[in-house]
PDB file of N, CA and C in Angstrom:
ATOM      1  N   MET A   1      -2.012  29.505  24.951  1.00  0.00           N
ATOM      2  CA  MET A   1      -3.293  29.039  24.756  1.00  0.00           C
ATOM      3  C   MET A   1      -3.345  28.885  23.175  1.00  0.00           C
ATOM      4  N   GLY A   2      -2.662  29.619  22.598  1.00  0.00           N
ATOM      5  CA  GLY A   2      -2.499  29.267  21.058  1.00  0.00           C
ATOM      6  C   GLY A   2      -2.312  28.174  20.799  1.00  0.00           C
ATOM      7  N   VAL A   3      -1.225  27.719  21.215  1.00  0.00           N
ATOM      8  CA  VAL A   3      -0.815  26.080  20.988  1.00  0.00           C
ATOM      9  C   VAL A   3      -1.736  25.241  21.072  1.00  0.00           C
ATOM     10  N   GLY A   4      -2.625  25.375  22.434  1.00  0.00           N
ATOM     11  CA  GLY A   4      -3.470  24.241  22.667  1.00  0.00           C
ATOM     12  C   GLY A   4      -4.748  24.399  21.594  1.00  0.00           C
ATOM     13  N   TRP A   5      -5.118  25.471  20.973  1.00  0.00           N
ATOM     14  CA  TRP A   5      -5.991  25.506  20.100  1.00  0.00           C
ATOM     15  C   TRP A   5      -5.853  24.625  18.747  1.00  0.00           C
ATOM     16  N   ALA A   6      -4.416  24.934  18.520  1.00  0.00           N
ATOM     17  CA  ALA A   6      -3.742  24.750  17.230  1.00  0.00           C
ATOM     18  C   ALA A   6      -3.617  22.861  17.491  1.00  0.00           C
ATOM     19  N   LEU A   7      -3.327  22.521  18.707  1.00  0.00           N
ATOM     20  CA  LEU A   7      -3.203  21.145  19.179  1.00  0.00           C
ATOM     21  C   LEU A   7      -4.578  20.387  18.799  1.00  0.00           C
ATOM     22  N   LEU A   8      -5.426  20.882  19.192  1.00  0.00           N
ATOM     23  CA  LEU A   8      -6.903  20.609  19.284  1.00  0.00           C
ATOM     24  C   LEU A   8      -7.361  20.595  17.989  1.00  0.00           C
ATOM     25  N   GLY A   9      -7.301  21.733  17.237  1.00  0.00           N
ATOM     26  CA  GLY A   9      -7.707  21.679  15.897  1.00  0.00           C
ATOM     27  C   GLY A   9      -7.018  20.503  14.922  1.00  0.00           C
ATOM     28  N   GLY A  10      -5.797  20.414  15.105  1.00  0.00           N
ATOM     29  CA  GLY A  10      -4.892  19.342  14.469  1.00  0.00           C
ATOM     30  C   GLY A  10      -5.356  17.787  15.052  1.00  0.00           C
ATOM     31  N   LEU A  11      -5.453  17.712  15.878  1.00  0.00           N
ATOM     32  CA  LEU A  11      -6.056  16.240  16.281  1.00  0.00           C
ATOM     33  C   LEU A  11      -7.473  15.975  15.830  1.00  0.00           C
ATOM     34  N   LEU A  12      -8.275  17.400  15.825  1.00  0.00           N
ATOM     35  CA  LEU A  12      -9.527  16.884  15.221  1.00  0.00           C
ATOM     36  C   LEU A  12      -9.711  16.591  13.851  1.00  0.00           C
ATOM     37  N   VAL A  13      -8.764  17.358  12.910  1.00  0.00           N
ATOM     38  CA  VAL A  13      -8.544  17.099  11.629  1.00  0.00           C
ATOM     39  C   VAL A  13      -7.966  15.799  11.303  1.00  0.00           C
ATOM     40  N   TYR A  14      -6.900  15.432  12.002  1.00  0.00           N
ATOM     41  CA  TYR A  14      -6.337  14.253  11.992  1.00  0.00           C
ATOM     42  C   TYR A  14      -7.240  12.996  12.281  1.00  0.00           C
ATOM     43  N   GLY A  15      -7.919  13.093  13.254  1.00  0.00           N
ATOM     44  CA  GLY A  15      -8.991  12.186  13.809  1.00  0.00           C
ATOM     45  C   GLY A  15     -10.034  11.806  12.596  1.00  0.00           C
ATOM     46  N   THR A  16     -10.682  13.124  12.187  1.00  0.00           N
ATOM     47  CA  THR A  16     -11.435  12.955  11.327  1.00  0.00           C
ATOM     48  C   THR A  16     -11.069  12.130   9.865  1.00  0.00           C
ATOM     49  N   LEU A  17      -9.897  12.644   9.141  1.00  0.00           N
ATOM     50  CA  LEU A  17      -9.469  11.952   8.190  1.00  0.00           C
ATOM     51  C   LEU A  17      -9.105  10.584   8.286  1.00  0.00           C
ATOM     52  N   LYS A  18      -8.347  10.092   9.524  1.00  0.00           N
ATOM     53  CA  LYS A  18      -8.379   8.779   9.724  1.00  0.00           C
ATOM     54  C   LYS A  18      -9.601   7.889   9.648  1.00  0.00           C
ATOM     55  N   ALA A  19     -10.605   8.422  10.425  1.00  0.00           N
ATOM     56  CA  ALA A  19     -12.027   7.700  10.302  1.00  0.00           C
ATOM     57  C   ALA A  19     -12.583   7.809   9.002  1.00  0.00           C
ATOM     58  N   VAL A  20     -12.479   8.597   8.113  1.00  0.00           N
ATOM     59  CA  VAL A  20     -13.170   8.653   7.007  1.00  0.00           C
ATOM     60  C   VAL A  20     -12.701   8.136   5.822  1.00  0.00           C
ATOM     61  N   ILE A  21     -11.256   8.350   5.733  1.00  0.00           N
ATOM     62  CA  ILE A  21     -10.549   7.901   4.391  1.00  0.00           C
ATOM     63  C   ILE A  21      -9.332   7.155   4.858  1.00  0.00           C
ATOM     64  N   GLY A  22      -9.047   7.309   5.862  1.00  0.00           N
ATOM     65  CA  GLY A  22      -7.793   6.311   6.224  1.00  0.00           C
ATOM     66  C   GLY A  22      -6.481   7.112   5.997  1.00  0.00           C
ATOM     67  N   LEU A  23      -5.262   7.000   6.441  1.00  0.00           N
ATOM     68  CA  LEU A  23      -4.061   7.462   6.211  1.00  0.00           C
ATOM     69  C   LEU A  23      -3.025   6.549   6.063  1.00  0.00           C
ATOM     70  N   ARG A  24      -3.361   5.261   5.848  1.00  0.00           N
ATOM     71  CA  ARG A  24      -2.285   4.550   5.414  1.00  0.00           C
ATOM     72  C   ARG A  24      -2.605   3.636   4.010  1.00  0.00           C
ATOM     73  N   LEU A  25      -1.506   2.988   3.235  1.00  0.00           N
ATOM     74  CA  LEU A  25      -1.685   2.583   2.276  1.00  0.00           C
ATOM     75  C   LEU A  25      -2.066   1.050   2.718  1.00  0.00           C
ATOM     76  N   SER A  26      -2.492  -0.056   1.850  1.00  0.00           N
ATOM     77  CA  SER A  26      -2.498  -1.253   2.059  1.00  0.00           C
ATOM     78  C   SER A  26      -1.323  -1.926   2.055  1.00  0.00           C
ATOM     79  N   GLN A  27      -1.043  -3.201   2.699  1.00  0.00           N
ATOM     80  CA  GLN A  27       0.282  -3.633   2.691  1.00  0.00           C
ATOM     81  C   GLN A  27       0.648  -4.024   1.233  1.00  0.00           C
ATOM     82  N   GLU A  28      -0.115  -4.290   0.247  1.00  0.00           N
ATOM     83  CA  GLU A  28       0.300  -4.281  -1.345  1.00  0.00           C
ATOM     84  C   GLU A  28       0.615  -3.073  -1.723  1.00  0.00           C
ATOM     85  N   GLU A  29      -0.131  -2.199  -1.511  1.00  0.00           N
ATOM     86  CA  GLU A  29       0.556  -0.751  -2.031  1.00  0.00           C
ATOM     87  C   GLU A  29       1.803  -0.401  -1.385  1.00  0.00           C
ATOM     88  N   GLU A  30       1.913  -0.751  -0.232  1.00  0.00           N
ATOM     89  CA  GLU A  30       3.117  -0.350   0.489  1.00  0.00           C
ATOM     90  C   GLU A  30       4.344  -0.987  -0.090  1.00  0.00           C
ATOM     91  N   TYR A  31       4.123  -2.370  -0.522  1.00  0.00           N
ATOM     92  CA  TYR A  31       5.085  -3.160  -1.212  1.00  0.00           C
ATOM     93  C   TYR A  31       5.286  -2.295  -2.428  1.00  0.00           C
ATOM     94  N   GLU A  32       4.501  -2.141  -3.321  1.00  0.00           N
ATOM     95  CA  GLU A  32       4.971  -1.831  -4.704  1.00  0.00           C
ATOM     96  C   GLU A  32       5.448  -0.269  -4.534  1.00  0.00           C
ATOM     97  N   GLY A  33       5.232   0.366  -3.382  1.00  0.00           N
ATOM     98  CA  GLY A  33       5.641   1.565  -3.318  1.00  0.00           C
ATOM     99  C   GLY A  33       4.372   2.760  -3.560  1.00  0.00           C
ATOM    100  N   ALA A  34       4.549   4.021  -2.880  1.00  0.00           N
ATOM    101  CA  ALA A  34       3.545   4.918  -2.746  1.00  0.00           C
ATOM    102  C   ALA A  34       3.672   5.469  -4.425  1.00  0.00           C
ATOM    103  N   ASP A  35       4.839   5.809  -4.961  1.00  0.00           N
ATOM    104  CA  ASP A  35       4.850   6.570  -6.274  1.00  0.00           C
ATOM    105  C   ASP A  35       4.026   5.438  -7.322  1.00  0.00           C
ATOM    106  N   LEU A  36       3.960   4.410  -7.319  1.00  0.00           N
ATOM    107  CA  LEU A  36       3.257   3.627  -8.159  1.00  0.00           C
ATOM    108  C   LEU A  36       1.828   3.669  -7.715  1.00  0.00           C
ATOM    109  N   SER A  37       1.587   3.419  -6.593  1.00  0.00           N
ATOM    110  CA  SER A  37       0.192   3.137  -6.364  1.00  0.00           C
ATOM    111  C   SER A  37      -0.474   4.446  -6.026  1.00  0.00           C
ATOM    112  N   ILE A  38      -0.191   5.553  -5.934  1.00  0.00           N
ATOM    113  CA  ILE A  38      -1.025   6.747  -5.749  1.00  0.00           C
ATOM    114  C   ILE A  38      -0.854   7.538  -7.327  1.00  0.00           C
ATOM    115  N   HIS A  39       0.410   7.670  -7.585  1.00  0.00           N
ATOM    116  CA  HIS A  39       0.809   8.460  -8.853  1.00  0.00           C
ATOM    117  C   HIS A  39       0.739   7.801 -10.203  1.00  0.00           C
ATOM    118  N   ARG A  40       0.830   6.402 -10.315  1.00  0.00           N
ATOM    119  CA  ARG A  40       0.882   5.523 -11.165  1.00  0.00           C
ATOM    120  C   ARG A  40       2.034   5.650 -12.120  1.00  0.00           C
ATOM    121  N   ILE A  41       3.304   6.242 -11.262  1.00  0.00           N
ATOM    122  CA  ILE A  41       4.547   6.301 -11.874  1.00  0.00           C
ATOM    123  C   ILE A  41       5.617   5.760 -10.980  1.00  0.00           C
ATOM    124  N   ARG A  42       6.724   5.066 -11.853  1.00  0.00           N
ATOM    125  CA  ARG A  42       7.778   4.663 -10.958  1.00  0.00           C
ATOM    126  C   ARG A  42       8.843   5.582 -10.480  1.00  0.00           C
ATOM    127  N   ALA A  43       9.332   5.288  -9.204  1.00  0.00           N
ATOM    128  CA  ALA A  43      10.435   6.042  -8.763  1.00  0.00           C
ATOM    129  C   ALA A  43      11.693   6.170  -9.459  1.00  0.00           C
ATOM    130  N   THR A  44      12.253   5.057 -10.095  1.00  0.00           N
ATOM    131  CA  THR A  44      13.208   4.901 -10.729  1.00  0.00           C
ATOM    132  C   THR A  44      12.657   4.649 -12.309  1.00  0.00           C
ATOM    133  N   PRO A  45      13.638   4.849 -13.176  1.00  0.00           N
ATOM    134  CA  PRO A  45      13.519   4.514 -14.516  1.00  0.00           C
ATOM    135  C   PRO A  45      13.743   3.162 -14.876  1.00  0.00           C
ATOM    136  N   GLU A  46      13.060   2.586 -15.979  1.00  0.00           N
ATOM    137  CA  GLU A  46      13.025   1.356 -16.290  1.00  0.00           C
ATOM    138  C   GLU A  46      14.566   0.656 -16.905  1.00  0.00           C
ATOM    139  N   ARG A  47      14.897   1.641 -17.471  1.00  0.00           N
ATOM    140  CA  ARG A  47      16.345   1.299 -18.107  1.00  0.00           C
ATOM    141  C   ARG A  47      17.406   1.668 -17.140  1.00  0.00           C
ATOM    142  N   GLU A  48      18.790   0.966 -17.523  1.00  0.00           N
ATOM    143  CA  GLU A  48      19.768   1.553 -16.408  1.00  0.00           C
ATOM    144  C   GLU A  48      20.589   2.327 -17.185  1.00  0.00           C
ATOM    145  N   SER A  49      21.103   3.367 -16.524  1.00  0.00           N
ATOM    146  CA  SER A  49      22.180   4.372 -17.140  1.00  0.00           C
ATOM    147  C   SER A  49      23.389   3.620 -17.360  1.00  0.00           C
ATOM    148  N   SER A  50      24.165   4.157 -18.033  1.00  0.00           N
ATOM    149  CA  SER A  50      25.574   3.574 -18.434  1.00  0.00           C
ATOM    150  C   SER A  50      26.543   4.575 -17.959  1.00  0.00           C
ATOM    151  N   TRP A  51      26.541   5.420 -17.132  1.00  0.00           N
ATOM    152  CA  TRP A  51      27.619   6.342 -16.869  1.00  0.00           C
ATOM    153  C   TRP A  51      27.906   5.882 -15.386  1.00  0.00           C
TER     154      TRP A  51
END
C-alpha cells in the first residue's frame, strides 16, 4: 500500500513539473551541453594538459 502511495505521489509531482516548467533542455541547449546551458561553465578546461 505504501508503494502505491509513493508511486502516485511521484507521478503527481512529475506530471506537475513537466506541465509547469518542462523537464528537458531545448535542442540547442542539449547540443551545447547541460553544464554550459545551466551552470554557465564548461565540462572540460579550455587549455590542453601536457601530461
